[in-house]
Amino acid sequence: MHKKHAEDEEEHEGNSERWLLTYSDMITLLLALFIIMYGMSAVDSEKVASLSQGLEEALNPSSVTTESNSSGSGSSNTTDSKIDGVVQQLDKYITENKLESQITLSTSDAGVSIQLKDSFLFHPNTAELLNKQSPVIKEISNIIKTIYNSIDHISIVGNTADVGNRDHANEVDAYDLSARRAVAVLSLLMENGVKPNKLVVEGHSHYSPVATNKTQEGRSKNRRVEIMIYKDSINALATKAKENSADNSTETSK
């Protein structure tokens, strides 16, 4: 009888301590859960922000578009301002040195064009540069360097005049001359410190005229090297598409 009572007491004492095991297991699990949740919140904070932005765009697209356009226009306005400054500097330099008959400036949505006559740059019918143009190219290079980080790229385009010889040999020669003249100007820009990573060389032969090829004056205008400073690639592509469309219309009318 006494033995049975003693066994009951031992069993009761053992059962009374089991809740401690259960409690400690629960605390451990809760601690592990909190650690996991904290870790997830720290790692995925950027994902949460991205999700929030995505929901904002889905629920209120107009505000996002306005914000995007506003930030984009700010950058565009800065580049436009720098391009305007370049045009003013070049125009002042051209006027002070009486180079109006040799260098022409023009602007568009794409950027600014600096057109230099071949007679000012090269010996006749060659890509050999004249010495007198070195100070001018140096000045242009120095001005370009001031905005180089803000622009998309610079195309250096060689152009010849159409004198009516359309046989294979003359067509090849015209392309070759226009390309070599563009490379010659590119070389000068690089010698004066313009980095090559945004420079593009093109040879258009006589297929990008700015005047008629029927007169000597017109052909003189067409023989040129054009330094085209593009503000951004989108405007560059749009301008190129317009030029191609105009050229096709001209060819069709002929």
C-alpha atoms as a PDB file:
ATOM      1  CA  MET A   1       0.000   0.000   0.000  1.00  0.00           C
ATOM      2  CA  HIS A   2       2.765   2.355   0.885  1.00  0.00           C
ATOM      3  CA  LYS A   3       4.665   1.241  -2.188  1.00  0.00           C
ATOM      4  CA  LYS A   4       1.770   2.134  -4.474  1.00  0.00           C
ATOM      5  CA  HIS A   5       1.505   5.576  -2.908  1.00  0.00           C
ATOM      6  CA  ALA A   6       5.206   6.204  -3.459  1.00  0.00           C
ATOM      7  CA  GLU A   7       4.973   5.270  -7.142  1.00  0.00           C
ATOM      8  CA  ASP A   8       2.004   7.627  -7.603  1.00  0.00           C
ATOM      9  CA  GLU A   9       3.993  10.476  -6.089  1.00  0.00           C
ATOM     10  CA  GLU A  10       6.953   9.858  -8.416  1.00  0.00           C
ATOM     11  CA  GLU A  11       4.670   9.751 -11.474  1.00  0.00           C
ATOM     12  CA  HIS A  12       2.904  12.925 -10.402  1.00  0.00           C
ATOM     13  CA  GLU A  13       6.230  14.675  -9.885  1.00  0.00           C
ATOM     14  CA  GLY A  14       7.436  13.580 -13.359  1.00  0.00           C
ATOM     15  CA  ASN A  15       4.233  14.820 -15.053  1.00  0.00           C
ATOM     16  CA  SER A  16       4.489  18.177 -13.309  1.00  0.00           C
ATOM     17  CA  GLU A  17       7.876  18.872 -14.998  1.00  0.00           C
ATOM     18  CA  ARG A  18       6.822  17.975 -18.551  1.00  0.00           C
ATOM     19  CA  TRP A  19       5.292  21.396 -19.123  1.00  0.00           C
ATOM     20  CA  LEU A  20       8.767  22.900 -18.786  1.00  0.00           C
ATOM     21  CA  LEU A  21       9.941  20.896 -21.795  1.00  0.00           C
ATOM     22  CA  THR A  22       6.920  21.963 -23.821  1.00  0.00           C
ATOM     23  CA  TYR A  23       7.391  25.604 -22.781  1.00  0.00           C
ATOM     24  CA  SER A  24      11.087  25.614 -23.653  1.00  0.00           C
ATOM     25  CA  ASP A  25      10.376  24.019 -27.056  1.00  0.00           C
ATOM     26  CA  MET A  26       7.766  26.692 -27.779  1.00  0.00           C
ATOM     27  CA  ILE A  27      10.146  29.503 -26.792  1.00  0.00           C
ATOM     28  CA  THR A  28      12.873  28.025 -29.006  1.00  0.00           C
ATOM     29  CA  LEU A  29      10.508  27.776 -31.960  1.00  0.00           C
ATOM     30  CA  LEU A  30       9.288  31.341 -31.454  1.00  0.00           C
ATOM     31  CA  LEU A  31      12.858  32.594 -31.269  1.00  0.00           C
ATOM     32  CA  ALA A  32      13.725  30.751 -34.487  1.00  0.00           C
ATOM     33  CA  LEU A  33      10.611  32.197 -36.166  1.00  0.00           C
ATOM     34  CA  PHE A  34      11.525  35.750 -35.133  1.00  0.00           C
ATOM     35  CA  ILE A  35      15.083  35.297 -36.426  1.00  0.00           C
ATOM     36  CA  ILE A  36      13.789  34.011 -39.783  1.00  0.00           C
ATOM     37  CA  MET A  37      11.272  36.869 -40.078  1.00  0.00           C
ATOM     38  CA  TYR A  38      13.953  39.429 -39.254  1.00  0.00           C
ATOM     39  CA  GLY A  39      16.286  37.937 -41.814  1.00  0.00           C
ATOM     40  CA  MET A  40      13.585  37.993 -44.485  1.00  0.00           C
ATOM     41  CA  SER A  41      12.711  41.604 -43.737  1.00  0.00           C
ATOM     42  CA  ALA A  42      16.357  42.691 -44.014  1.00  0.00           C
ATOM     43  CA  VAL A  43      17.077  40.829 -47.257  1.00  0.00           C
ATOM     44  CA  ASP A  44      13.815  41.641 -48.997  1.00  0.00           C
ATOM     45  CA  SER A  45      13.522  45.322 -48.098  1.00  0.00           C
ATOM     46  CA  GLU A  46      14.459  46.290 -51.674  1.00  0.00           C
ATOM     47  CA  LYS A  47      11.923  43.814 -53.031  1.00  0.00           C
ATOM     48  CA  VAL A  48       9.257  45.332 -50.808  1.00  0.00           C
ATOM     49  CA  ALA A  49      10.150  48.808 -52.068  1.00  0.00           C
ATOM     50  CA  SER A  50      10.069  47.545 -55.653  1.00  0.00           C
ATOM     51  CA  LEU A  51       6.698  45.919 -55.062  1.00  0.00           C
ATOM     52  CA  SER A  52       5.397  49.151 -53.564  1.00  0.00           C
ATOM     53  CA  GLN A  53       6.603  51.107 -56.610  1.00  0.00           C
ATOM     54  CA  GLY A  54       5.013  48.568 -58.935  1.00  0.00           C
ATOM     55  CA  LEU A  55       1.688  48.894 -57.161  1.00  0.00           C
ATOM     56  CA  GLU A  56       1.954  52.682 -57.355  1.00  0.00           C
ATOM     57  CA  GLU A  57       2.575  52.489 -61.098  1.00  0.00           C
ATOM     58  CA  ALA A  58      -0.359  50.130 -61.585  1.00  0.00           C
ATOM     59  CA  LEU A  59      -2.782  52.157 -59.457  1.00  0.00           C
ATOM     60  CA  ASN A  60      -1.658  55.655 -60.460  1.00  0.00           C
ATOM     61  CA  PRO A  61       0.319  55.554 -63.748  1.00  0.00           C
ATOM     62  CA  SER A  62      -0.131  59.256 -64.498  1.00  0.00           C
ATOM     63  CA  SER A  63       1.895  60.370 -61.483  1.00  0.00           C
ATOM     64  CA  VAL A  64       4.732  58.004 -62.360  1.00  0.00           C
ATOM     65  CA  THR A  65       4.805  59.217 -65.965  1.00  0.00           C
ATOM     66  CA  THR A  66       4.861  62.819 -64.832  1.00  0.00           C
ATOM     67  CA  GLU A  67       7.717  62.153 -62.428  1.00  0.00           C
ATOM     68  CA  SER A  68       9.684  60.286 -65.086  1.00  0.00           C
ATOM     69  CA  ASN A  69       9.174  62.999 -67.667  1.00  0.00           C
ATOM     70  CA  SER A  70      10.146  65.624 -65.145  1.00  0.00           C
ATOM     71  CA  SER A  71      13.462  63.963 -64.291  1.00  0.00           C
ATOM     72  CA  GLY A  72      14.178  63.234 -67.952  1.00  0.00           C
ATOM     73  CA  SER A  73      13.437  66.774 -69.029  1.00  0.00           C
ATOM     74  CA  GLY A  74      15.810  68.078 -66.370  1.00  0.00           C
ATOM     75  CA  SER A  75      18.676  66.080 -67.824  1.00  0.00           C
ATOM     76  CA  SER A  76      17.669  67.067 -71.352  1.00  0.00           C
ATOM     77  CA  ASN A  77      17.493  70.737 -70.423  1.00  0.00           C
ATOM     78  CA  THR A  78      21.003  70.569 -68.967  1.00  0.00           C
ATOM     79  CA  THR A  79      22.374  69.050 -72.173  1.00  0.00           C
ATOM     80  CA  ASP A  80      20.474  71.591 -74.290  1.00  0.00           C
ATOM     81  CA  SER A  81      21.978  74.391 -72.243  1.00  0.00           C
ATOM     82  CA  LYS A  82      25.488  73.015 -72.772  1.00  0.00           C
ATOM     83  CA  ILE A  83      24.865  72.588 -76.505  1.00  0.00           C
ATOM     84  CA  ASP A  84      23.681  76.199 -76.699  1.00  0.00           C
ATOM     85  CA  GLY A  85      26.870  77.259 -74.955  1.00  0.00           C
ATOM     86  CA  VAL A  86      28.941  75.351 -77.512  1.00  0.00           C
ATOM     87  CA  VAL A  87      27.134  77.025 -80.396  1.00  0.00           C
ATOM     88  CA  GLN A  88      27.739  80.459 -78.874  1.00  0.00           C
ATOM     89  CA  GLN A  89      31.438  79.787 -78.357  1.00  0.00           C
ATOM     90  CA  LEU A  90      31.893  78.432 -81.878  1.00  0.00           C
ATOM     91  CA  ASP A  91      29.900  81.241 -83.435  1.00  0.00           C
ATOM     92  CA  LYS A  92      31.998  83.811 -81.602  1.00  0.00           C
ATOM     93  CA  TYR A  93      35.224  82.109 -82.682  1.00  0.00           C
ATOM     94  CA  ILE A  94      34.107  81.901 -86.320  1.00  0.00           C
ATOM     95  CA  THR A  95      33.108  85.575 -86.360  1.00  0.00           C
ATOM     96  CA  GLU A  96      36.262  86.829 -84.675  1.00  0.00           C
ATOM     97  CA  ASN A  97      38.463  84.895 -87.110  1.00  0.00           C
ATOM     98  CA  LYS A  98      36.347  85.710 -90.198  1.00  0.00           C
ATOM     99  CA  LEU A  99      35.691  82.062 -91.015  1.00  0.00           C
ATOM    100  CA  GLU A 100      32.046  82.420 -92.038  1.00  0.00           C
ATOM    101  CA  SER A 101      32.790  81.371 -95.605  1.00  0.00           C
ATOM    102  CA  GLN A 102      34.625  78.234 -94.462  1.00  0.00           C
ATOM    103  CA  ILE A 103      32.660  76.974 -91.464  1.00  0.00           C
ATOM    104  CA  THR A 104      28.886  76.705 -91.110  1.00  0.00           C
ATOM    105  CA  LEU A 105      26.973  75.999 -87.909  1.00  0.00           C
ATOM    106  CA  SER A 106      23.462  74.606 -87.697  1.00  0.00           C
ATOM    107  CA  THR A 107      21.344  73.189 -84.881  1.00  0.00           C
ATOM    108  CA  SER A 108      18.477  70.706 -84.743  1.00  0.00           C
ATOM    109  CA  ASP A 109      16.625  68.576 -82.210  1.00  0.00           C
ATOM    110  CA  ALA A 110      19.465  66.061 -82.525  1.00  0.00           C
ATOM    111  CA  GLY A 111      22.292  68.459 -81.685  1.00  0.00           C
ATOM    112  CA  VAL A 112      24.703  70.788 -83.479  1.00  0.00           C
ATOM    113  CA  SER A 113      26.423  70.413 -86.835  1.00  0.00           C
ATOM    114  CA  ILE A 114      29.811  71.952 -87.669  1.00  0.00           C
ATOM    115  CA  GLN A 115      30.418  71.889 -91.416  1.00  0.00           C
ATOM    116  CA  LEU A 116      33.924  72.596 -92.677  1.00  0.00           C
ATOM    117  CA  LYS A 117      34.597  73.093 -96.392  1.00  0.00           C
ATOM    118  CA  ASP A 118      37.102  70.765 -97.994  1.00  0.00           C
ATOM    119  CA  SER A 119      39.025  73.700 -99.506  1.00  0.00           C
ATOM    120  CA  PHE A 120      39.689  74.929 -95.986  1.00  0.00           C
ATOM    121  CA  LEU A 121      40.851  71.513 -94.735  1.00  0.00           C
ATOM    122  CA  PHE A 122      42.520  69.617 -97.568  1.00  0.00           C
ATOM    123  CA  HIS A 123      44.680  69.815-100.619  1.00  0.00           C
ATOM    124  CA  PRO A 124      42.462  69.401-103.729  1.00  0.00           C
ATOM    125  CA  ASN A 125      41.150  65.864-104.345  1.00  0.00           C
ATOM    126  CA  THR A 126      43.139  64.422-101.439  1.00  0.00           C
ATOM    127  CA  ALA A 127      42.766  63.657 -97.729  1.00  0.00           C
ATOM    128  CA  GLU A 128      46.009  65.530 -96.997  1.00  0.00           C
ATOM    129  CA  LEU A 129      45.340  68.225 -94.423  1.00  0.00           C
ATOM    130  CA  LEU A 130      46.436  71.833 -94.824  1.00  0.00           C
ATOM    131  CA  ASN A 131      48.458  73.358 -91.999  1.00  0.00           C
ATOM    132  CA  LYS A 132      46.223  76.419 -91.658  1.00  0.00           C
ATOM    133  CA  GLN A 133      43.333  74.437 -90.202  1.00  0.00           C
ATOM    134  CA  SER A 134      45.238  73.132 -87.154  1.00  0.00           C
ATOM    135  CA  PRO A 135      44.368  76.063 -84.805  1.00  0.00           C
ATOM    136  CA  VAL A 136      40.719  75.845 -85.844  1.00  0.00           C
ATOM    137  CA  ILE A 137      40.455  72.100 -85.192  1.00  0.00           C
ATOM    138  CA  LYS A 138      42.242  72.622 -81.873  1.00  0.00           C
ATOM    139  CA  GLU A 139      39.666  75.239 -80.850  1.00  0.00           C
ATOM    140  CA  ILE A 140      36.789  72.953 -81.884  1.00  0.00           C
ATOM    141  CA  SER A 141      38.402  70.092 -79.936  1.00  0.00           C
ATOM    142  CA  ASN A 142      38.724  72.190 -76.784  1.00  0.00           C
ATOM    143  CA  ILE A 143      35.084  73.233 -76.966  1.00  0.00           C
ATOM    144  CA  ILE A 144      33.926  69.651 -77.583  1.00  0.00           C
ATOM    145  CA  LYS A 145      35.863  68.437 -74.544  1.00  0.00           C
ATOM    146  CA  THR A 146      33.870  70.741 -72.269  1.00  0.00           C
ATOM    147  CA  ILE A 147      30.620  68.868 -73.041  1.00  0.00           C
ATOM    148  CA  TYR A 148      31.962  65.432 -73.965  1.00  0.00           C
ATOM    149  CA  ASN A 149      30.530  63.666 -70.898  1.00  0.00           C
ATOM    150  CA  SER A 150      27.053  65.082 -71.544  1.00  0.00           C
ATOM    151  CA  ILE A 151      26.587  64.047 -75.181  1.00  0.00           C
ATOM    152  CA  ASP A 152      25.723  60.721 -76.784  1.00  0.00           C
ATOM    153  CA  HIS A 153      28.251  60.608 -79.618  1.00  0.00           C
ATOM    154  CA  ILE A 154      29.937  62.591 -82.391  1.00  0.00           C
ATOM    155  CA  SER A 155      29.716  61.594 -86.038  1.00  0.00           C
ATOM    156  CA  ILE A 156      32.493  62.824 -88.301  1.00  0.00           C
ATOM    157  CA  VAL A 157      31.122  62.607 -91.836  1.00  0.00           C
ATOM    158  CA  GLY A 158      33.070  63.081 -95.052  1.00  0.00           C
ATOM    159  CA  ASN A 159      31.160  64.298 -98.124  1.00  0.00           C
ATOM    160  CA  THR A 160      32.100  64.849-101.759  1.00  0.00           C
ATOM    161  CA  ALA A 161      30.348  66.522-104.700  1.00  0.00           C
ATOM    162  CA  ASP A 162      28.603  64.732-107.548  1.00  0.00           C
ATOM    163  CA  VAL A 163      30.381  65.636-110.783  1.00  0.00           C
ATOM    164  CA  GLY A 164      28.424  63.158-112.861  1.00  0.00           C
ATOM    165  CA  ASN A 165      30.864  60.238-112.986  1.00  0.00           C
ATOM    166  CA  ARG A 166      28.808  57.303-111.774  1.00  0.00           C
ATOM    167  CA  ASP A 167      30.915  54.392-113.024  1.00  0.00           C
ATOM    168  CA  HIS A 168      32.122  51.821-110.526  1.00  0.00           C
ATOM    169  CA  ALA A 169      35.678  53.124-110.162  1.00  0.00           C
ATOM    170  CA  ASN A 170      34.601  56.734-109.525  1.00  0.00           C
ATOM    171  CA  GLU A 171      31.929  55.691-107.035  1.00  0.00           C
ATOM    172  CA  VAL A 172      34.494  53.699-105.053  1.00  0.00           C
ATOM    173  CA  ASP A 173      36.965  56.591-105.176  1.00  0.00           C
ATOM    174  CA  ALA A 174      34.320  59.034-103.934  1.00  0.00           C
ATOM    175  CA  TYR A 175      33.466  56.830-100.972  1.00  0.00           C
ATOM    176  CA  ASP A 176      37.124  56.240-100.222  1.00  0.00           C
ATOM    177  CA  LEU A 177      37.959  59.960-100.314  1.00  0.00           C
ATOM    178  CA  SER A 178      35.017  60.932 -98.113  1.00  0.00           C
ATOM    179  CA  ALA A 179      35.904  58.274 -95.535  1.00  0.00           C
ATOM    180  CA  ARG A 180      39.622  59.133 -95.480  1.00  0.00           C
ATOM    181  CA  ARG A 181      38.858  62.802 -94.992  1.00  0.00           C
ATOM    182  CA  ALA A 182      36.592  61.966 -92.058  1.00  0.00           C
ATOM    183  CA  VAL A 183      39.347  59.818 -90.523  1.00  0.00           C
ATOM    184  CA  ALA A 184      41.851  62.656 -90.988  1.00  0.00           C
ATOM    185  CA  VAL A 185      39.632  65.027 -88.994  1.00  0.00           C
ATOM    186  CA  LEU A 186      39.011  62.330 -86.370  1.00  0.00           C
ATOM    187  CA  SER A 187      42.774  61.940 -86.006  1.00  0.00           C
ATOM    188  CA  LEU A 188      43.165  65.678 -85.406  1.00  0.00           C
ATOM    189  CA  LEU A 189      40.419  65.714 -82.774  1.00  0.00           C
ATOM    190  CA  MET A 190      42.116  62.843 -80.948  1.00  0.00           C
ATOM    191  CA  GLU A 191      45.524  64.537 -81.170  1.00  0.00           C
ATOM    192  CA  ASN A 192      43.940  67.516 -79.435  1.00  0.00           C
ATOM    193  CA  GLY A 193      42.615  65.436 -76.543  1.00  0.00           C
ATOM    194  CA  VAL A 194      39.133  64.322 -77.635  1.00  0.00           C
ATOM    195  CA  LYS A 195      38.582  60.758 -76.405  1.00  0.00           C
ATOM    196  CA  PRO A 196      37.776  58.210 -79.131  1.00  0.00           C
ATOM    197  CA  ASN A 197      35.042  56.254 -77.320  1.00  0.00           C
ATOM    198  CA  LYS A 198      32.206  58.469 -78.608  1.00  0.00           C
ATOM    199  CA  LEU A 199      33.579  59.189 -82.083  1.00  0.00           C
ATOM    200  CA  VAL A 200      32.010  57.675 -85.203  1.00  0.00           C
ATOM    201  CA  VAL A 201      33.400  57.979 -88.746  1.00  0.00           C
ATOM    202  CA  GLU A 202      31.203  57.965 -91.851  1.00  0.00           C
ATOM    203  CA  GLY A 203      31.908  58.427 -95.551  1.00  0.00           C
ATOM    204  CA  HIS A 204      28.809  59.477 -97.495  1.00  0.00           C
ATOM    205  CA  SER A 205      30.422  60.067-100.861  1.00  0.00           C
ATOM    206  CA  HIS A 206      28.144  62.512-102.762  1.00  0.00           C
ATOM    207  CA  TYR A 207      24.898  61.084-101.398  1.00  0.00           C
ATOM    208  CA  SER A 208      24.237  63.673 -98.660  1.00  0.00           C
ATOM    209  CA  PRO A 209      24.269  66.991-100.533  1.00  0.00           C
ATOM    210  CA  VAL A 210      23.339  70.273 -98.865  1.00  0.00           C
ATOM    211  CA  ALA A 211      23.174  72.157-102.158  1.00  0.00           C
ATOM    212  CA  THR A 212      22.746  71.505-105.862  1.00  0.00           C
ATOM    213  CA  ASN A 213      25.553  69.762-107.718  1.00  0.00           C
ATOM    214  CA  LYS A 214      24.664  71.608-110.918  1.00  0.00           C
ATOM    215  CA  THR A 215      26.688  74.704-110.027  1.00  0.00           C
ATOM    216  CA  GLN A 216      30.267  75.212-108.902  1.00  0.00           C
ATOM    217  CA  GLU A 217      29.094  77.040-105.772  1.00  0.00           C
ATOM    218  CA  GLY A 218      26.758  74.191-104.866  1.00  0.00           C
ATOM    219  CA  ARG A 219      29.438  71.554-105.373  1.00  0.00           C
ATOM    220  CA  SER A 220      31.791  73.611-103.213  1.00  0.00           C
ATOM    221  CA  LYS A 221      29.252  73.495-100.354  1.00  0.00           C
ATOM    222  CA  ASN A 222      28.793  69.751-100.765  1.00  0.00           C
ATOM    223  CA  ARG A 223      32.531  69.063-100.464  1.00  0.00           C
ATOM    224  CA  ARG A 224      32.790  69.183 -96.693  1.00  0.00           C
ATOM    225  CA  VAL A 225      33.468  67.340 -93.472  1.00  0.00           C
ATOM    226  CA  GLU A 226      30.662  67.567 -90.958  1.00  0.00           C
ATOM    227  CA  ILE A 227      31.203  67.178 -87.216  1.00  0.00           C
ATOM    228  CA  MET A 228      27.772  66.298 -85.838  1.00  0.00           C
ATOM    229  CA  ILE A 229      27.439  66.427 -82.056  1.00  0.00           C
ATOM    230  CA  TYR A 230      24.446  64.321 -81.012  1.00  0.00           C
ATOM    231  CA  LYS A 231      22.688  64.984 -77.722  1.00  0.00           C
ATOM    232  CA  ASP A 232      21.153  61.512 -77.514  1.00  0.00           C
ATOM    233  CA  SER A 233      20.775  58.398 -79.643  1.00  0.00           C
ATOM    234  CA  ILE A 234      16.965  58.674 -79.945  1.00  0.00           C
ATOM    235  CA  ASN A 235      17.160  62.099 -81.591  1.00  0.00           C
ATOM    236  CA  ALA A 236      20.065  60.877 -83.681  1.00  0.00           C
ATOM    237  CA  LEU A 237      17.989  58.009 -85.069  1.00  0.00           C
ATOM    238  CA  ALA A 238      15.012  60.305 -85.677  1.00  0.00           C
ATOM    239  CA  THR A 239      17.183  62.781 -87.563  1.00  0.00           C
ATOM    240  CA  LYS A 240      18.756  60.005 -89.615  1.00  0.00           C
ATOM    241  CA  ALA A 241      15.305  58.681 -90.517  1.00  0.00           C
ATOM    242  CA  LYS A 242      14.222  62.149 -91.670  1.00  0.00           C
ATOM    243  CA  GLU A 243      17.355  62.534 -93.781  1.00  0.00           C
ATOM    244  CA  ASN A 244      16.846  59.140 -95.385  1.00  0.00           C
ATOM    245  CA  SER A 245      13.215  59.964 -96.101  1.00  0.00           C
ATOM    246  CA  ALA A 246      14.212  63.270 -97.705  1.00  0.00           C
ATOM    247  CA  ASP A 247      16.899  61.569 -99.794  1.00  0.00           C
ATOM    248  CA  ASN A 248      14.431  58.951-100.992  1.00  0.00           C
ATOM    249  CA  SER A 249      11.937  61.644-101.944  1.00  0.00           C
ATOM    250  CA  THR A 250      14.619  63.477-103.893  1.00  0.00           C
ATOM    251  CA  GLU A 251      15.640  60.347-105.748  1.00  0.00           C
ATOM    252  CA  THR A 252      11.992  59.587-106.547  1.00  0.00           C
ATOM    253  CA  SER A 253      11.404  63.084-107.913  1.00  0.00           C
ATOM    254  CA  LYS A 254      14.411  62.723-110.214  1.00  0.00           C
END
